Amino acid sequence: MINEEFYRYLNAEALLEFKWNTFGNKYYLTIWAIYTVFLLNFIIAASFYNNISQTSLFILLKITICFGIWHLIFELRQFIFEPLNYMSSSWNYLDLVAIISTTATSIYWIKNGSAPTWAITYSTLFLEIRYIIFLRPNRYFGIYLTMIMKTADKVISFFIVFGLFALALAHSLHLMLGPGSEKSQDISTDSTDMFAEFGSAMVVSYYMMLTGDKNPISAWVTTENSEIVMIMLLMIIISFFMLIYLMNLFIGILSNLISSSDSRVDYLALKGEIIEEIELFYMLPHQRRKENWFPFVM
């Protein structure tokens, strides 16, 4: 039963701890160990591919593919069991991205003899972030990981809205400072012109919103530019609405979510979800009927 109200009472915590100490921790450590092998094989291949033989490299990648498919099968089973519930958690997407990107990169690497550096880098990043999440059953780390995971799911819609505003900002800067602007003819020969293309303008816009750095537009803010007033007006709108209003609103939303939640209850509910996955997807039918694991009366 994944119900936060249920875990406010001591009998629910006692039931959860019984399950965890009886079989949950053994299953979870086994799953963690298998993921660790999956992670280490790819990290060794990604970090030392210049120092090991091609045969050893391909062995590491083939092991990575095998374990990646194993993890992907269980993710697929969870999706088939409850598609809407599975898709509602942003952390399931992290699982999929980590597993699929690593497996696909390994397959591409074996097939072509090499893989793009960016693919290796991002696959390693997602794998390591996913590995950190495995610390969540430990109460010392789990309280804070639960806060991160729970708040991320609740503010995902805010991130989407924020991204749409950033897209509008990028389009505005591209129109103002792009190829059609008066000053762009002098800047376009310089490699620092990041607003000539819409894609690079979007990257710079996100960077400016997150850091408040105005250096990317400093080349346009000169007395020789006839559009300086309109550029400054655009930056004032961006600074107030995006940097001051939305960012502070986001901080306030996070503070409200954290202050209104019970970290102990959230932690127990998250641990209950781990037990749920183990019982549904990792246990064999005869194991679910073991009376010492599932007693009729406690």
C-alpha atoms as a PDB file:
ATOM      1  CA  MET A   1       0.000   0.000   0.000  1.00  0.00           C
ATOM      2  CA  ILE A   2       1.673   3.229  -1.182  1.00  0.00           C
ATOM      3  CA  ASN A   3      -0.283   5.724   0.890  1.00  0.00           C
ATOM      4  CA  GLU A   4       1.510   8.415   2.883  1.00  0.00           C
ATOM      5  CA  GLU A   5      -1.270   8.490   5.489  1.00  0.00           C
ATOM      6  CA  PHE A   6      -0.709   4.776   6.108  1.00  0.00           C
ATOM      7  CA  TYR A   7       2.929   5.386   7.063  1.00  0.00           C
ATOM      8  CA  ARG A   8       2.104   7.963   9.737  1.00  0.00           C
ATOM      9  CA  TYR A   9       1.391   5.133  12.191  1.00  0.00           C
ATOM     10  CA  LEU A  10       3.870   2.883  13.945  1.00  0.00           C
ATOM     11  CA  ASN A  11       2.182  -0.367  12.887  1.00  0.00           C
ATOM     12  CA  ALA A  12       2.828   0.520   9.223  1.00  0.00           C
ATOM     13  CA  GLU A  13       6.482   1.243   9.956  1.00  0.00           C
ATOM     14  CA  ALA A  14       6.751  -2.049  11.861  1.00  0.00           C
ATOM     15  CA  LEU A  15       5.272  -3.957   8.904  1.00  0.00           C
ATOM     16  CA  LEU A  16       7.631  -2.205   6.502  1.00  0.00           C
ATOM     17  CA  GLU A  17      10.690  -2.925   8.661  1.00  0.00           C
ATOM     18  CA  PHE A  18       9.644  -6.574   8.962  1.00  0.00           C
ATOM     19  CA  LYS A  19       9.476  -6.921   5.187  1.00  0.00           C
ATOM     20  CA  TRP A  20      12.749  -5.060   4.727  1.00  0.00           C
ATOM     21  CA  ASN A  21      14.677  -7.109   7.285  1.00  0.00           C
ATOM     22  CA  THR A  22      13.159 -10.410   6.115  1.00  0.00           C
ATOM     23  CA  PHE A  23      13.753 -10.212   2.371  1.00  0.00           C
ATOM     24  CA  GLY A  24      13.801  -6.610   1.122  1.00  0.00           C
ATOM     25  CA  ASN A  25      17.397  -5.746   1.967  1.00  0.00           C
ATOM     26  CA  LYS A  26      18.718  -8.970   0.394  1.00  0.00           C
ATOM     27  CA  TYR A  27      16.885  -8.381  -2.878  1.00  0.00           C
ATOM     28  CA  TYR A  28      17.807  -4.709  -2.954  1.00  0.00           C
ATOM     29  CA  LEU A  29      21.513  -5.367  -2.347  1.00  0.00           C
ATOM     30  CA  THR A  30      21.444  -7.973  -5.130  1.00  0.00           C
ATOM     31  CA  ILE A  31      19.835  -5.507  -7.558  1.00  0.00           C
ATOM     32  CA  TRP A  32      22.355  -2.878  -6.488  1.00  0.00           C
ATOM     33  CA  ALA A  33      25.254  -5.292  -7.014  1.00  0.00           C
ATOM     34  CA  ILE A  34      24.029  -6.154 -10.528  1.00  0.00           C
ATOM     35  CA  TYR A  35      23.728  -2.450 -11.355  1.00  0.00           C
ATOM     36  CA  THR A  36      27.220  -1.868  -9.948  1.00  0.00           C
ATOM     37  CA  VAL A  37      28.650  -4.455 -12.358  1.00  0.00           C
ATOM     38  CA  PHE A  38      26.717  -2.783 -15.185  1.00  0.00           C
ATOM     39  CA  LEU A  39      28.109   0.612 -14.158  1.00  0.00           C
ATOM     40  CA  LEU A  40      31.723  -0.497 -13.633  1.00  0.00           C
ATOM     41  CA  ASN A  41      31.980  -2.306 -16.950  1.00  0.00           C
ATOM     42  CA  PHE A  42      30.953   0.774 -18.883  1.00  0.00           C
ATOM     43  CA  ILE A  43      33.032   3.195 -16.770  1.00  0.00           C
ATOM     44  CA  ILE A  44      36.172   1.058 -17.209  1.00  0.00           C
ATOM     45  CA  ALA A  45      35.534   0.901 -20.951  1.00  0.00           C
ATOM     46  CA  ALA A  46      34.879   4.661 -21.131  1.00  0.00           C
ATOM     47  CA  SER A  47      37.869   5.655 -18.995  1.00  0.00           C
ATOM     48  CA  PHE A  48      40.583   3.244 -20.185  1.00  0.00           C
ATOM     49  CA  TYR A  49      39.666   2.344 -23.773  1.00  0.00           C
ATOM     50  CA  ASN A  50      43.037   3.709 -24.945  1.00  0.00           C
ATOM     51  CA  ASN A  51      44.962   1.550 -22.474  1.00  0.00           C
ATOM     52  CA  ILE A  52      43.297  -1.845 -22.941  1.00  0.00           C
ATOM     53  CA  SER A  53      43.147  -4.205 -25.882  1.00  0.00           C
ATOM     54  CA  GLN A  54      40.256  -4.196 -28.338  1.00  0.00           C
ATOM     55  CA  THR A  55      39.292  -7.688 -27.215  1.00  0.00           C
ATOM     56  CA  SER A  56      39.062  -6.668 -23.546  1.00  0.00           C
ATOM     57  CA  LEU A  57      37.154  -3.536 -24.500  1.00  0.00           C
ATOM     58  CA  PHE A  58      34.569  -5.492 -26.473  1.00  0.00           C
ATOM     59  CA  ILE A  59      34.169  -7.987 -23.611  1.00  0.00           C
ATOM     60  CA  LEU A  60      33.386  -5.102 -21.227  1.00  0.00           C
ATOM     61  CA  LEU A  61      30.910  -3.626 -23.692  1.00  0.00           C
ATOM     62  CA  LYS A  62      29.185  -6.965 -24.311  1.00  0.00           C
ATOM     63  CA  ILE A  63      28.761  -7.468 -20.549  1.00  0.00           C
ATOM     64  CA  THR A  64      27.351  -3.938 -20.360  1.00  0.00           C
ATOM     65  CA  ILE A  65      24.833  -4.749 -23.104  1.00  0.00           C
ATOM     66  CA  CYS A  66      23.718  -7.948 -21.357  1.00  0.00           C
ATOM     67  CA  PHE A  67      23.120  -6.219 -18.033  1.00  0.00           C
ATOM     68  CA  GLY A  68      21.513  -3.250 -19.802  1.00  0.00           C
ATOM     69  CA  ILE A  69      18.977  -5.548 -21.455  1.00  0.00           C
ATOM     70  CA  TRP A  70      18.348  -7.239 -18.082  1.00  0.00           C
ATOM     71  CA  HIS A  71      17.543  -3.877 -16.455  1.00  0.00           C
ATOM     72  CA  LEU A  72      15.476  -2.787 -19.440  1.00  0.00           C
ATOM     73  CA  ILE A  73      13.289  -5.907 -19.176  1.00  0.00           C
ATOM     74  CA  PHE A  74      12.330  -5.008 -15.597  1.00  0.00           C
ATOM     75  CA  GLU A  75      11.641  -1.392 -16.580  1.00  0.00           C
ATOM     76  CA  LEU A  76       9.381  -2.690 -19.360  1.00  0.00           C
ATOM     77  CA  ARG A  77       7.528  -4.957 -16.914  1.00  0.00           C
ATOM     78  CA  GLN A  78       6.892  -2.008 -14.601  1.00  0.00           C
ATOM     79  CA  PHE A  79       5.569   0.052 -17.513  1.00  0.00           C
ATOM     80  CA  ILE A  80       3.230  -2.748 -18.663  1.00  0.00           C
ATOM     81  CA  PHE A  81       1.933  -3.280 -15.117  1.00  0.00           C
ATOM     82  CA  GLU A  82       0.924   0.378 -14.546  1.00  0.00           C
ATOM     83  CA  PRO A  83       1.696   2.618 -17.544  1.00  0.00           C
ATOM     84  CA  LEU A  84       0.201   5.841 -16.167  1.00  0.00           C
ATOM     85  CA  ASN A  85       1.790   5.454 -12.748  1.00  0.00           C
ATOM     86  CA  TYR A  86       5.144   4.623 -14.329  1.00  0.00           C
ATOM     87  CA  MET A  87       5.062   7.672 -16.598  1.00  0.00           C
ATOM     88  CA  SER A  88       4.042  10.010 -13.766  1.00  0.00           C
ATOM     89  CA  SER A  89       7.424   9.620 -12.038  1.00  0.00           C
ATOM     90  CA  SER A  90      10.257  11.651 -13.542  1.00  0.00           C
ATOM     91  CA  TRP A  91      12.797   9.297 -11.939  1.00  0.00           C
ATOM     92  CA  ASN A  92      11.635   6.439 -14.131  1.00  0.00           C
ATOM     93  CA  TYR A  93      12.725   8.525 -17.098  1.00  0.00           C
ATOM     94  CA  LEU A  94      16.176   8.794 -15.517  1.00  0.00           C
ATOM     95  CA  ASP A  95      16.291   4.994 -15.270  1.00  0.00           C
ATOM     96  CA  LEU A  96      15.316   4.634 -18.922  1.00  0.00           C
ATOM     97  CA  VAL A  97      17.764   7.274 -20.144  1.00  0.00           C
ATOM     98  CA  ALA A  98      20.653   5.771 -18.159  1.00  0.00           C
ATOM     99  CA  ILE A  99      19.963   2.212 -19.315  1.00  0.00           C
ATOM    100  CA  ILE A 100      19.029   2.904 -22.943  1.00  0.00           C
ATOM    101  CA  SER A 101      21.804   5.443 -23.602  1.00  0.00           C
ATOM    102  CA  THR A 102      24.481   3.172 -22.123  1.00  0.00           C
ATOM    103  CA  THR A 103      23.251   0.070 -23.946  1.00  0.00           C
ATOM    104  CA  ALA A 104      22.843   1.904 -27.257  1.00  0.00           C
ATOM    105  CA  THR A 105      26.279   3.501 -26.948  1.00  0.00           C
ATOM    106  CA  SER A 106      27.840   0.102 -26.228  1.00  0.00           C
ATOM    107  CA  ILE A 107      26.140  -1.475 -29.251  1.00  0.00           C
ATOM    108  CA  TYR A 108      27.235   1.411 -31.485  1.00  0.00           C
ATOM    109  CA  TRP A 109      30.774   1.175 -30.070  1.00  0.00           C
ATOM    110  CA  ILE A 110      31.073  -2.534 -30.879  1.00  0.00           C
ATOM    111  CA  LYS A 111      29.545  -2.129 -34.325  1.00  0.00           C
ATOM    112  CA  ASN A 112      31.690   0.831 -35.432  1.00  0.00           C
ATOM    113  CA  GLY A 113      34.834   0.374 -33.342  1.00  0.00           C
ATOM    114  CA  SER A 114      34.365   3.745 -31.629  1.00  0.00           C
ATOM    115  CA  ALA A 115      31.646   5.936 -30.120  1.00  0.00           C
ATOM    116  CA  PRO A 116      31.115   9.713 -29.946  1.00  0.00           C
ATOM    117  CA  THR A 117      32.683  11.306 -26.878  1.00  0.00           C
ATOM    118  CA  TRP A 118      29.454  13.119 -26.017  1.00  0.00           C
ATOM    119  CA  ALA A 119      27.507   9.817 -25.989  1.00  0.00           C
ATOM    120  CA  ILE A 120      30.056   8.194 -23.659  1.00  0.00           C
ATOM    121  CA  THR A 121      30.085  11.278 -21.399  1.00  0.00           C
ATOM    122  CA  TYR A 122      26.318  11.599 -20.995  1.00  0.00           C
ATOM    123  CA  SER A 123      25.825   7.854 -20.567  1.00  0.00           C
ATOM    124  CA  THR A 124      28.377   7.855 -17.747  1.00  0.00           C
ATOM    125  CA  LEU A 125      26.740  10.909 -16.157  1.00  0.00           C
ATOM    126  CA  PHE A 126      23.256   9.346 -16.133  1.00  0.00           C
ATOM    127  CA  LEU A 127      24.632   6.031 -14.851  1.00  0.00           C
ATOM    128  CA  GLU A 128      26.399   7.685 -11.924  1.00  0.00           C
ATOM    129  CA  ILE A 129      23.391   9.833 -10.984  1.00  0.00           C
ATOM    130  CA  ARG A 130      21.246   6.676 -11.052  1.00  0.00           C
ATOM    131  CA  TYR A 131      23.798   4.958  -8.803  1.00  0.00           C
ATOM    132  CA  ILE A 132      23.497   7.725  -6.196  1.00  0.00           C
ATOM    133  CA  ILE A 133      19.716   7.147  -6.055  1.00  0.00           C
ATOM    134  CA  PHE A 134      20.417   3.592  -4.825  1.00  0.00           C
ATOM    135  CA  LEU A 135      21.365   5.122  -1.442  1.00  0.00           C
ATOM    136  CA  ARG A 136      17.714   6.009  -0.735  1.00  0.00           C
ATOM    137  CA  PRO A 137      16.868   3.059   1.612  1.00  0.00           C
ATOM    138  CA  ASN A 138      19.563   4.251   4.030  1.00  0.00           C
ATOM    139  CA  ARG A 139      17.854   6.646   6.449  1.00  0.00           C
ATOM    140  CA  TYR A 140      20.995   8.832   6.691  1.00  0.00           C
ATOM    141  CA  PHE A 141      20.871   9.580   2.955  1.00  0.00           C
ATOM    142  CA  GLY A 142      17.286   8.599   2.206  1.00  0.00           C
ATOM    143  CA  ILE A 143      15.653  11.558   3.975  1.00  0.00           C
ATOM    144  CA  TYR A 144      17.377  14.035   1.644  1.00  0.00           C
ATOM    145  CA  LEU A 145      17.141  11.923  -1.492  1.00  0.00           C
ATOM    146  CA  THR A 146      13.404  11.621  -0.803  1.00  0.00           C
ATOM    147  CA  MET A 147      13.122  15.422  -0.626  1.00  0.00           C
ATOM    148  CA  ILE A 148      14.942  15.733  -3.949  1.00  0.00           C
ATOM    149  CA  MET A 149      12.891  13.044  -5.676  1.00  0.00           C
ATOM    150  CA  LYS A 150       9.516  14.173  -4.326  1.00  0.00           C
ATOM    151  CA  THR A 151       9.985  17.886  -5.034  1.00  0.00           C
ATOM    152  CA  ALA A 152      11.330  17.168  -8.531  1.00  0.00           C
ATOM    153  CA  ASP A 153       8.135  15.310  -9.426  1.00  0.00           C
ATOM    154  CA  LYS A 154       5.951  18.141  -8.113  1.00  0.00           C
ATOM    155  CA  VAL A 155       7.763  21.020  -9.852  1.00  0.00           C
ATOM    156  CA  ILE A 156       8.238  19.342 -13.226  1.00  0.00           C
ATOM    157  CA  SER A 157       5.332  21.380 -14.639  1.00  0.00           C
ATOM    158  CA  PHE A 158       7.053  24.564 -13.404  1.00  0.00           C
ATOM    159  CA  PHE A 159      10.220  23.515 -15.273  1.00  0.00           C
ATOM    160  CA  ILE A 160       8.176  23.081 -18.453  1.00  0.00           C
ATOM    161  CA  VAL A 161       6.654  26.568 -18.100  1.00  0.00           C
ATOM    162  CA  PHE A 162      10.090  28.006 -17.327  1.00  0.00           C
ATOM    163  CA  GLY A 163      11.472  26.324 -20.429  1.00  0.00           C
ATOM    164  CA  LEU A 164       8.717  27.800 -22.590  1.00  0.00           C
ATOM    165  CA  PHE A 165       9.502  31.284 -21.294  1.00  0.00           C
ATOM    166  CA  ALA A 166      13.186  30.665 -22.032  1.00  0.00           C
ATOM    167  CA  LEU A 167      12.224  29.631 -25.551  1.00  0.00           C
ATOM    168  CA  ALA A 168      10.355  32.916 -26.013  1.00  0.00           C
ATOM    169  CA  LEU A 169      13.388  34.803 -24.694  1.00  0.00           C
ATOM    170  CA  ALA A 170      15.722  32.986 -27.081  1.00  0.00           C
ATOM    171  CA  HIS A 171      13.466  33.826 -30.018  1.00  0.00           C
ATOM    172  CA  SER A 172      13.367  37.500 -28.996  1.00  0.00           C
ATOM    173  CA  LEU A 173      17.158  37.727 -28.712  1.00  0.00           C
ATOM    174  CA  HIS A 174      17.580  35.908 -32.018  1.00  0.00           C
ATOM    175  CA  LEU A 175      15.301  38.427 -33.743  1.00  0.00           C
ATOM    176  CA  MET A 176      16.874  41.417 -31.987  1.00  0.00           C
ATOM    177  CA  LEU A 177      20.547  40.432 -32.332  1.00  0.00           C
ATOM    178  CA  GLY A 178      20.452  37.889 -35.142  1.00  0.00           C
ATOM    179  CA  PRO A 179      21.322  38.279 -38.825  1.00  0.00           C
ATOM    180  CA  GLY A 180      18.579  40.857 -39.421  1.00  0.00           C
ATOM    181  CA  SER A 181      19.771  43.393 -36.831  1.00  0.00           C
ATOM    182  CA  GLU A 182      21.860  46.436 -37.741  1.00  0.00           C
ATOM    183  CA  LYS A 183      24.756  45.623 -35.436  1.00  0.00           C
ATOM    184  CA  SER A 184      24.917  41.956 -36.414  1.00  0.00           C
ATOM    185  CA  GLN A 185      26.772  42.792 -39.637  1.00  0.00           C
ATOM    186  CA  ASP A 186      29.762  43.912 -37.568  1.00  0.00           C
ATOM    187  CA  ILE A 187      29.519  41.085 -35.079  1.00  0.00           C
ATOM    188  CA  SER A 188      28.730  38.190 -37.421  1.00  0.00           C
ATOM    189  CA  THR A 189      32.355  37.810 -38.505  1.00  0.00           C
ATOM    190  CA  ASP A 190      33.338  37.230 -34.916  1.00  0.00           C
ATOM    191  CA  SER A 191      33.093  33.672 -33.554  1.00  0.00           C
ATOM    192  CA  THR A 192      31.590  35.048 -30.326  1.00  0.00           C
ATOM    193  CA  ASP A 193      28.293  35.865 -32.022  1.00  0.00           C
ATOM    194  CA  MET A 194      25.974  33.371 -30.344  1.00  0.00           C
ATOM    195  CA  PHE A 195      22.693  34.837 -31.573  1.00  0.00           C
ATOM    196  CA  ALA A 196      23.092  34.238 -35.296  1.00  0.00           C
ATOM    197  CA  GLU A 197      21.516  30.786 -34.960  1.00  0.00           C
ATOM    198  CA  PHE A 198      18.362  30.058 -32.976  1.00  0.00           C
ATOM    199  CA  GLY A 199      19.857  26.943 -31.325  1.00  0.00           C
ATOM    200  CA  SER A 200      22.884  28.768 -29.923  1.00  0.00           C
ATOM    201  CA  ALA A 201      20.671  31.711 -28.919  1.00  0.00           C
ATOM    202  CA  MET A 202      18.534  29.316 -26.854  1.00  0.00           C
ATOM    203  CA  VAL A 203      21.621  27.892 -25.083  1.00  0.00           C
ATOM    204  CA  VAL A 204      22.886  31.398 -24.256  1.00  0.00           C
ATOM    205  CA  SER A 205      19.430  32.419 -23.017  1.00  0.00           C
ATOM    206  CA  TYR A 206      19.272  29.527 -20.557  1.00  0.00           C
ATOM    207  CA  TYR A 207      22.786  30.364 -19.376  1.00  0.00           C
ATOM    208  CA  MET A 208      21.913  34.023 -18.852  1.00  0.00           C
ATOM    209  CA  MET A 209      18.746  33.166 -16.906  1.00  0.00           C
ATOM    210  CA  LEU A 210      20.508  30.715 -14.591  1.00  0.00           C
ATOM    211  CA  THR A 211      23.614  32.830 -13.903  1.00  0.00           C
ATOM    212  CA  GLY A 212      22.499  36.423 -14.529  1.00  0.00           C
ATOM    213  CA  ASP A 213      25.581  36.930 -16.714  1.00  0.00           C
ATOM    214  CA  LYS A 214      25.070  39.651 -19.359  1.00  0.00           C
ATOM    215  CA  ASN A 215      28.450  39.226 -21.080  1.00  0.00           C
ATOM    216  CA  PRO A 216      26.949  37.417 -24.110  1.00  0.00           C
ATOM    217  CA  ILE A 217      25.160  40.642 -25.136  1.00  0.00           C
ATOM    218  CA  SER A 218      27.860  43.116 -24.080  1.00  0.00           C
ATOM    219  CA  ALA A 219      29.108  43.460 -27.684  1.00  0.00           C
ATOM    220  CA  TRP A 220      25.744  44.939 -28.694  1.00  0.00           C
ATOM    221  CA  VAL A 221      25.464  47.400 -25.788  1.00  0.00           C
ATOM    222  CA  THR A 222      27.465  50.305 -27.247  1.00  0.00           C
ATOM    223  CA  THR A 223      26.691  53.923 -27.999  1.00  0.00           C
ATOM    224  CA  GLU A 224      27.195  53.175 -31.708  1.00  0.00           C
ATOM    225  CA  ASN A 225      24.272  50.773 -31.778  1.00  0.00           C
ATOM    226  CA  SER A 226      21.055  52.568 -32.696  1.00  0.00           C
ATOM    227  CA  GLU A 227      18.998  49.777 -31.093  1.00  0.00           C
ATOM    228  CA  ILE A 228      20.642  50.063 -27.669  1.00  0.00           C
ATOM    229  CA  VAL A 229      17.459  51.388 -26.011  1.00  0.00           C
ATOM    230  CA  MET A 230      15.373  48.482 -27.284  1.00  0.00           C
ATOM    231  CA  ILE A 231      18.076  45.960 -26.313  1.00  0.00           C
ATOM    232  CA  MET A 232      18.294  47.374 -22.779  1.00  0.00           C
ATOM    233  CA  LEU A 233      14.471  47.379 -22.487  1.00  0.00           C
ATOM    234  CA  LEU A 234      14.411  43.717 -23.517  1.00  0.00           C
ATOM    235  CA  MET A 235      17.094  42.858 -20.930  1.00  0.00           C
ATOM    236  CA  ILE A 236      15.215  44.748 -18.181  1.00  0.00           C
ATOM    237  CA  ILE A 237      12.080  42.718 -18.962  1.00  0.00           C
ATOM    238  CA  ILE A 238      14.101  39.506 -18.918  1.00  0.00           C
ATOM    239  CA  SER A 239      15.939  40.404 -15.690  1.00  0.00           C
ATOM    240  CA  PHE A 240      12.772  41.295 -13.805  1.00  0.00           C
ATOM    241  CA  PHE A 241      10.422  38.602 -15.053  1.00  0.00           C
ATOM    242  CA  MET A 242      12.788  35.652 -15.450  1.00  0.00           C
ATOM    243  CA  LEU A 243      15.615  36.254 -12.964  1.00  0.00           C
ATOM    244  CA  ILE A 244      13.772  38.038 -10.167  1.00  0.00           C
ATOM    245  CA  TYR A 245      10.151  36.939 -10.379  1.00  0.00           C
ATOM    246  CA  LEU A 246      10.264  33.349 -11.672  1.00  0.00           C
ATOM    247  CA  MET A 247      13.468  32.281  -9.916  1.00  0.00           C
ATOM    248  CA  ASN A 248      12.294  33.633  -6.536  1.00  0.00           C
ATOM    249  CA  LEU A 249       8.887  32.089  -7.115  1.00  0.00           C
ATOM    250  CA  PHE A 250      10.611  28.757  -7.739  1.00  0.00           C
ATOM    251  CA  ILE A 251      12.579  29.081  -4.485  1.00  0.00           C
ATOM    252  CA  GLY A 252       9.349  29.880  -2.629  1.00  0.00           C
ATOM    253  CA  ILE A 253       7.592  26.845  -4.137  1.00  0.00           C
ATOM    254  CA  LEU A 254      10.455  24.570  -3.078  1.00  0.00           C
ATOM    255  CA  SER A 255      10.463  26.012   0.450  1.00  0.00           C
ATOM    256  CA  ASN A 256       6.707  25.508   0.753  1.00  0.00           C
ATOM    257  CA  LEU A 257       6.896  21.911  -0.487  1.00  0.00           C
ATOM    258  CA  ILE A 258       9.707  21.029   1.903  1.00  0.00           C
ATOM    259  CA  SER A 259       8.144  22.751   4.939  1.00  0.00           C
ATOM    260  CA  SER A 260       4.711  21.177   4.350  1.00  0.00           C
ATOM    261  CA  SER A 261       6.005  17.611   3.999  1.00  0.00           C
ATOM    262  CA  ASP A 262       6.871  15.088   6.707  1.00  0.00           C
ATOM    263  CA  SER A 263      10.350  13.796   5.842  1.00  0.00           C
ATOM    264  CA  ARG A 264       9.930  10.634   7.932  1.00  0.00           C
ATOM    265  CA  VAL A 265       6.635   9.701   6.263  1.00  0.00           C
ATOM    266  CA  ASP A 266       8.001  10.491   2.795  1.00  0.00           C
ATOM    267  CA  TYR A 267      11.043   8.326   3.468  1.00  0.00           C
ATOM    268  CA  LEU A 268       8.916   5.389   4.621  1.00  0.00           C
ATOM    269  CA  ALA A 269       6.606   5.733   1.608  1.00  0.00           C
ATOM    270  CA  LEU A 270       9.610   5.690  -0.716  1.00  0.00           C
ATOM    271  CA  LYS A 271      10.928   2.605   1.028  1.00  0.00           C
ATOM    272  CA  GLY A 272       7.483   1.062   0.634  1.00  0.00           C
ATOM    273  CA  GLU A 273       7.702   1.657  -3.125  1.00  0.00           C
ATOM    274  CA  ILE A 274      10.981  -0.263  -3.191  1.00  0.00           C
ATOM    275  CA  ILE A 275       9.343  -3.199  -1.383  1.00  0.00           C
ATOM    276  CA  GLU A 276       6.411  -3.013  -3.810  1.00  0.00           C
ATOM    277  CA  GLU A 277       8.725  -3.279  -6.851  1.00  0.00           C
ATOM    278  CA  ILE A 278      10.597  -6.206  -5.302  1.00  0.00           C
ATOM    279  CA  GLU A 279       7.399  -8.145  -4.554  1.00  0.00           C
ATOM    280  CA  LEU A 280       5.814  -7.477  -7.949  1.00  0.00           C
ATOM    281  CA  PHE A 281       8.725  -7.743 -10.365  1.00  0.00           C
ATOM    282  CA  TYR A 282      11.648  -9.571  -8.765  1.00  0.00           C
ATOM    283  CA  MET A 283      10.023 -12.327  -6.711  1.00  0.00           C
ATOM    284  CA  LEU A 284       8.990 -15.688  -8.109  1.00  0.00           C
ATOM    285  CA  PRO A 285       5.409 -16.876  -7.429  1.00  0.00           C
ATOM    286  CA  HIS A 286       6.467 -19.498  -4.853  1.00  0.00           C
ATOM    287  CA  GLN A 287       8.458 -16.854  -2.950  1.00  0.00           C
ATOM    288  CA  ARG A 288       5.346 -14.728  -2.541  1.00  0.00           C
ATOM    289  CA  ARG A 289       3.660 -17.692  -0.841  1.00  0.00           C
ATOM    290  CA  LYS A 290       6.354 -18.217   1.814  1.00  0.00           C
ATOM    291  CA  GLU A 291       4.580 -18.013   5.157  1.00  0.00           C
ATOM    292  CA  ASN A 292       7.641 -16.768   7.044  1.00  0.00           C
ATOM    293  CA  TRP A 293       7.923 -13.863   4.583  1.00  0.00           C
ATOM    294  CA  PHE A 294       4.192 -13.122   4.354  1.00  0.00           C
ATOM    295  CA  PRO A 295       2.602 -14.330   7.636  1.00  0.00           C
ATOM    296  CA  PHE A 296      -1.159 -14.208   7.870  1.00  0.00           C
ATOM    297  CA  VAL A 297      -0.949 -12.845  11.416  1.00  0.00           C
ATOM    298  CA  MET A 298       1.835 -10.698  12.903  1.00  0.00           C
END
